[in-house]
C-alpha cells in the first residue's frame, strides 16, 4: 500500500513510500532534503522489513532532535501500528 508522510523539523517536505502486506518497505522517495542522504536512505531501506528500518533509523538527529531518517521511522511506526505488526 502507498503512503505519504509530511515530516516536521526537517528539510524534506514529504516522504512517499510503500509497505507491502508482509511489512516490507518499497519505493521510498523523499521530496526535498539533502539529495545524497535521502537517496541513500531510500536505497538502504528498499526491501527491508519496516520494523528493522524503524530500529535502525529512529532517533537519528540532524537539525535539532530529528532528521529525515527519524521522520521516516515515525511514519513507518504509524503504518505498522495500523497494520497491527508493531
C-alpha atoms as a PDB file:
ATOM      1  CA  UNK A   1       0.000   0.000   0.000  1.00  0.00           C
ATOM      2  CA  UNK A   2       1.207   3.538  -0.775  1.00  0.00           C
ATOM      3  CA  UNK A   3       1.707   6.099   1.982  1.00  0.00           C
ATOM      4  CA  UNK A   4       2.746   9.732   2.243  1.00  0.00           C
ATOM      5  CA  UNK A   5       4.109  11.489   5.330  1.00  0.00           C
ATOM      6  CA  UNK A   6       4.696  15.204   5.931  1.00  0.00           C
ATOM      7  CA  UNK A   7       7.786  15.412   8.146  1.00  0.00           C
ATOM      8  CA  UNK A   8       8.226  18.027  10.862  1.00  0.00           C
ATOM      9  CA  UNK A   9      11.527  19.756  11.625  1.00  0.00           C
ATOM     10  CA  UNK A  10      13.393  18.611   8.505  1.00  0.00           C
ATOM     11  CA  UNK A  11      14.404  19.963   5.106  1.00  0.00           C
ATOM     12  CA  UNK A  12      12.299  17.364   3.294  1.00  0.00           C
ATOM     13  CA  UNK A  13       8.655  18.314   2.803  1.00  0.00           C
ATOM     14  CA  UNK A  14       7.179  14.875   2.072  1.00  0.00           C
ATOM     15  CA  UNK A  15       8.121  11.210   2.220  1.00  0.00           C
ATOM     16  CA  UNK A  16       6.344   8.820  -0.145  1.00  0.00           C
ATOM     17  CA  UNK A  17       6.744   5.075   0.358  1.00  0.00           C
ATOM     18  CA  UNK A  18       5.086   1.686   0.170  1.00  0.00           C
ATOM     19  CA  UNK A  19       4.791  -1.086   2.724  1.00  0.00           C
ATOM     20  CA  UNK A  20       3.572  -4.408   1.365  1.00  0.00           C
ATOM     21  CA  UNK A  21       1.379  -6.945   3.172  1.00  0.00           C
ATOM     22  CA  UNK A  22       4.464  -8.632   4.642  1.00  0.00           C
ATOM     23  CA  UNK A  23       5.688  -5.357   6.160  1.00  0.00           C
ATOM     24  CA  UNK A  24       8.468  -4.788   3.607  1.00  0.00           C
ATOM     25  CA  UNK A  25       9.439  -1.250   2.518  1.00  0.00           C
ATOM     26  CA  UNK A  26       9.486  -0.317  -1.186  1.00  0.00           C
ATOM     27  CA  UNK A  27       9.777   2.766  -3.412  1.00  0.00           C
ATOM     28  CA  UNK A  28      10.752   5.318  -0.757  1.00  0.00           C
ATOM     29  CA  UNK A  29      11.142   8.848  -2.083  1.00  0.00           C
ATOM     30  CA  UNK A  30      11.923  11.985  -0.113  1.00  0.00           C
ATOM     31  CA  UNK A  31      10.736  15.288  -1.579  1.00  0.00           C
ATOM     32  CA  UNK A  32      13.278  17.943  -0.658  1.00  0.00           C
ATOM     33  CA  UNK A  33      16.025  17.444   1.866  1.00  0.00           C
ATOM     34  CA  UNK A  34      19.674  16.628   1.223  1.00  0.00           C
ATOM     35  CA  UNK A  35      19.545  14.681  -2.035  1.00  0.00           C
ATOM     36  CA  UNK A  36      22.507  12.391  -1.410  1.00  0.00           C
ATOM     37  CA  UNK A  37      21.427  11.472   2.100  1.00  0.00           C
ATOM     38  CA  UNK A  38      17.770  10.892   1.275  1.00  0.00           C
ATOM     39  CA  UNK A  39      18.641   8.820  -1.811  1.00  0.00           C
ATOM     40  CA  UNK A  40      20.990   6.754   0.345  1.00  0.00           C
ATOM     41  CA  UNK A  41      18.296   6.130   2.967  1.00  0.00           C
ATOM     42  CA  UNK A  42      15.840   5.174   0.214  1.00  0.00           C
ATOM     43  CA  UNK A  43      18.311   2.709  -1.319  1.00  0.00           C
ATOM     44  CA  UNK A  44      19.239   1.178   2.037  1.00  0.00           C
ATOM     45  CA  UNK A  45      15.662   0.519   3.179  1.00  0.00           C
ATOM     46  CA  UNK A  46      14.473  -0.931  -0.158  1.00  0.00           C
ATOM     47  CA  UNK A  47      13.319  -4.491   0.558  1.00  0.00           C
ATOM     48  CA  UNK A  48      13.918  -4.122   4.305  1.00  0.00           C
ATOM     49  CA  UNK A  49      11.360  -5.074   6.915  1.00  0.00           C
ATOM     50  CA  UNK A  50       9.675  -1.896   8.153  1.00  0.00           C
ATOM     51  CA  UNK A  51      10.292  -2.931  11.769  1.00  0.00           C
ATOM     52  CA  UNK A  52      14.032  -3.222  11.061  1.00  0.00           C
ATOM     53  CA  UNK A  53      14.058   0.168   9.319  1.00  0.00           C
ATOM     54  CA  UNK A  54      12.432   1.746  12.387  1.00  0.00           C
ATOM     55  CA  UNK A  55      15.046   0.165  14.652  1.00  0.00           C
ATOM     56  CA  UNK A  56      17.898   1.486  12.508  1.00  0.00           C
ATOM     57  CA  UNK A  57      16.561   4.985  11.749  1.00  0.00           C
ATOM     58  CA  UNK A  58      14.621   6.076  14.830  1.00  0.00           C
ATOM     59  CA  UNK A  59      16.284   8.772  16.901  1.00  0.00           C
ATOM     60  CA  UNK A  60      18.927   9.855  14.389  1.00  0.00           C
ATOM     61  CA  UNK A  61      19.349  13.633  14.859  1.00  0.00           C
ATOM     62  CA  UNK A  62      20.246  16.223  12.228  1.00  0.00           C
ATOM     63  CA  UNK A  63      18.648  19.600  12.812  1.00  0.00           C
ATOM     64  CA  UNK A  64      17.664  19.662  16.438  1.00  0.00           C
ATOM     65  CA  UNK A  65      16.383  16.357  17.711  1.00  0.00           C
ATOM     66  CA  UNK A  66      15.028  14.863  14.460  1.00  0.00           C
ATOM     67  CA  UNK A  67      16.101  14.149  10.885  1.00  0.00           C
ATOM     68  CA  UNK A  68      14.703  12.847   7.611  1.00  0.00           C
ATOM     69  CA  UNK A  69      15.519   9.234   8.626  1.00  0.00           C
ATOM     70  CA  UNK A  70      13.940   9.772  12.064  1.00  0.00           C
ATOM     71  CA  UNK A  71      10.811  11.231  10.489  1.00  0.00           C
ATOM     72  CA  UNK A  72      10.638   8.248   8.126  1.00  0.00           C
ATOM     73  CA  UNK A  73      10.859   5.930  11.152  1.00  0.00           C
ATOM     74  CA  UNK A  74       7.940   7.805  12.736  1.00  0.00           C
ATOM     75  CA  UNK A  75       5.910   7.363   9.541  1.00  0.00           C
ATOM     76  CA  UNK A  76       6.710   3.651   9.417  1.00  0.00           C
ATOM     77  CA  UNK A  77       5.687   3.219  13.061  1.00  0.00           C
ATOM     78  CA  UNK A  78       2.280   4.733  12.264  1.00  0.00           C
ATOM     79  CA  UNK A  79       1.830   2.356   9.336  1.00  0.00           C
ATOM     80  CA  UNK A  80       2.919  -0.652  11.380  1.00  0.00           C
ATOM     81  CA  UNK A  81       0.536   0.292  14.206  1.00  0.00           C
ATOM     82  CA  UNK A  82      -2.341   0.379  11.706  1.00  0.00           C
ATOM     83  CA  UNK A  83      -1.268  -2.986  10.306  1.00  0.00           C
ATOM     84  CA  UNK A  84      -1.027  -4.330  13.877  1.00  0.00           C
ATOM     85  CA  UNK A  85       2.521  -5.563  13.167  1.00  0.00           C
ATOM     86  CA  UNK A  86       4.497  -3.478  15.664  1.00  0.00           C
END
